[in-house]
Protein backbone atom coordinates (compact mmCIF):
# COMPACT_ATOMS: atom_id res chain seq x y z
CA MET A 1 -11.54 -6.06 -29.47
CA THR A 2 -8.93 -7.43 -27.09
CA GLU A 3 -9.82 -9.40 -23.96
CA GLN A 4 -8.61 -6.46 -21.83
CA GLN A 5 -10.92 -4.03 -23.66
CA ALA A 6 -13.82 -6.44 -23.15
CA VAL A 7 -13.47 -6.44 -19.35
CA ARG A 8 -12.52 -2.78 -18.86
CA GLN A 9 -15.33 -0.24 -18.62
CA ALA A 10 -15.15 3.48 -17.89
CA ILE A 11 -17.96 4.99 -15.81
CA LEU A 12 -18.60 8.71 -16.27
CA SER A 13 -20.64 10.80 -13.84
CA GLY A 14 -21.14 13.89 -15.98
CA SER A 15 -18.71 15.96 -13.91
CA THR A 16 -17.13 18.69 -16.03
CA PHE A 17 -13.80 17.81 -14.38
CA GLU A 18 -13.79 14.38 -16.08
CA GLU A 19 -13.94 15.98 -19.51
CA GLN A 20 -11.57 18.85 -18.72
CA ILE A 21 -8.89 16.69 -17.10
CA GLY A 22 -9.42 13.43 -19.00
CA TYR A 23 -10.38 10.74 -16.50
CA ALA A 24 -13.34 8.54 -15.55
CA ARG A 25 -15.29 8.61 -12.27
CA ALA A 26 -14.61 4.88 -12.06
CA VAL A 27 -12.97 2.12 -14.03
CA VAL A 28 -14.22 -1.45 -13.90
CA ASP A 29 -11.51 -4.00 -14.68
CA GLY A 30 -12.86 -7.51 -14.32
CA ASP A 31 -14.25 -7.76 -10.78
CA TRP A 32 -12.28 -4.73 -9.60
CA VAL A 33 -13.85 -1.28 -9.43
CA HIS A 34 -11.57 1.71 -8.94
CA VAL A 35 -13.46 4.90 -8.07
CA SER A 36 -11.49 8.10 -8.62
CA GLY A 37 -11.03 10.64 -5.89
CA THR A 38 -14.52 12.07 -5.56
CA THR A 39 -15.40 15.42 -4.04
CA GLY A 40 -18.59 16.93 -2.68
CA PHE A 41 -19.78 18.54 -5.90
CA ASP A 42 -23.36 17.83 -6.89
CA TYR A 43 -22.68 16.92 -10.52
CA ALA A 44 -26.17 17.95 -11.69
CA THR A 45 -25.60 21.55 -10.58
CA MET A 46 -21.79 21.61 -10.12
CA ALA A 47 -22.49 23.27 -6.75
CA ILE A 48 -20.62 22.40 -3.54
CA SER A 49 -21.53 23.06 0.09
CA GLU A 50 -19.21 25.04 2.33
CA ASP A 51 -19.76 22.45 5.12
CA VAL A 52 -17.29 19.55 5.23
CA VAL A 53 -19.87 17.09 6.62
CA GLU A 54 -22.30 17.92 3.80
CA GLN A 55 -19.43 17.54 1.35
CA ALA A 56 -18.64 14.10 2.79
CA GLU A 57 -22.29 13.07 2.36
CA GLN A 58 -22.28 14.24 -1.26
CA CYS A 59 -18.92 12.53 -1.92
CA LEU A 60 -20.41 9.26 -0.77
CA ARG A 61 -23.59 9.74 -2.80
CA ASN A 62 -21.36 10.28 -5.85
CA VAL A 63 -19.21 7.24 -4.99
CA GLY A 64 -22.35 5.15 -4.39
CA ALA A 65 -23.73 6.07 -7.82
CA ALA A 66 -20.48 4.95 -9.47
CA LEU A 67 -20.43 1.71 -7.49
CA GLU A 68 -24.04 0.98 -8.41
CA GLU A 69 -23.37 1.59 -12.09
CA ALA A 70 -20.41 -0.82 -11.79
CA GLY A 71 -22.70 -3.51 -10.35
CA CYS A 72 -21.58 -3.39 -6.74
CA SER A 73 -22.19 -1.52 -3.50
CA PHE A 74 -20.42 -0.10 -0.47
CA ALA A 75 -20.40 -3.67 0.92
CA ASP A 76 -17.84 -4.54 -1.79
CA VAL A 77 -15.40 -1.74 -0.87
CA VAL A 78 -12.05 -3.12 0.24
CA ARG A 79 -10.03 0.14 0.35
CA VAL A 80 -10.88 3.76 1.05
CA ARG A 81 -8.69 6.87 1.05
CA TYR A 82 -9.73 10.16 2.60
CA LEU A 83 -7.93 13.28 1.39
CA LEU A 84 -8.39 16.52 3.33
CA PRO A 85 -6.53 19.84 3.34
CA ASP A 86 -7.33 20.36 7.04
CA ARG A 87 -7.01 17.47 9.51
CA ALA A 88 -9.46 19.21 11.88
CA ASP A 89 -12.20 18.57 9.28
CA PHE A 90 -11.77 14.78 9.45
CA GLU A 91 -13.30 14.00 12.84
CA PRO A 92 -16.60 15.83 12.18
CA CYS A 93 -17.04 13.48 9.18
CA TRP A 94 -16.59 10.27 11.19
CA PRO A 95 -20.32 9.65 11.82
CA VAL A 96 -21.03 9.91 8.08
CA LEU A 97 -18.11 7.64 7.19
CA ARG A 98 -19.13 5.11 9.84
CA ARG A 99 -22.67 5.00 8.44
CA TYR A 100 -21.31 3.93 5.04
CA PHE A 101 -18.31 1.83 6.09
CA GLY A 102 -18.87 0.77 9.73
CA ASP A 103 -20.14 -2.69 8.84
CA VAL A 104 -17.82 -3.09 5.84
CA ARG A 105 -14.54 -2.20 7.59
CA PRO A 106 -12.38 -1.57 4.50
CA ALA A 107 -8.69 -0.78 4.80
CA ALA A 108 -8.50 3.01 5.16
CA THR A 109 -6.05 5.88 5.03
CA MET A 110 -6.51 9.59 5.74
CA MET A 111 -4.02 11.95 4.13
CA MET A 112 -3.63 15.70 4.40
CA CYS A 113 -3.02 17.39 1.07
CA GLY A 114 -4.11 20.29 -1.06
CA LEU A 115 -7.11 19.66 -3.30
CA ALA A 116 -7.70 20.99 -6.83
CA ASP A 117 -10.22 23.66 -5.80
CA PRO A 118 -10.09 25.65 -2.54
CA ARG A 119 -13.84 25.00 -2.02
CA MET A 120 -13.13 21.27 -1.71
CA LYS A 121 -12.72 20.12 1.90
CA ILE A 122 -12.70 16.34 1.43
CA GLU A 123 -12.07 13.90 -1.38
CA ILE A 124 -12.81 10.17 -1.12
CA GLU A 125 -11.39 7.39 -3.28
CA VAL A 126 -12.43 3.73 -3.07
CA CYS A 127 -11.50 0.39 -4.52
CA ALA A 128 -14.07 -2.41 -4.54
CA ARG A 129 -14.23 -6.01 -5.72
CA ARG A 130 -17.59 -7.00 -7.13
CA GLY A 131 -19.24 -9.80 -5.23
CA SER A 132 -16.90 -9.61 -2.23
CA GLY A 133 -19.47 -8.26 0.22
CA ALA A 134 -23.10 -8.66 1.16
CA ARG A 135 -25.40 -6.32 -0.74
CA VAL A 136 -26.61 -3.37 1.36
């Protein structure tokens, strides 16, 4: 096993998309944790709410599970990207996003773009560095 293989770990959530497309929910590389764009699907049921705020909540539950498995938390997030097909859906999500990131203050970007499934209204991607923040 190479040194790179020893420090790199793939984290899978059980999402059918990971298997179908060929990616991991997150990749741990040393102290860095890269969480893939994550949507509001409940991976246990593969159901998704029609409400963008509920989708944002579920996105962040999914992201939080990946971060926890990687040995870190939202406090370690240094970068977040929000992807939405409709910019009008972003502002209703702000209270949810502030609850998770308000004390952390990561660098952030919101981009408008099409998502893989028309039911998806928000996708959230984060990058974290283990040990860089206070545990929450």
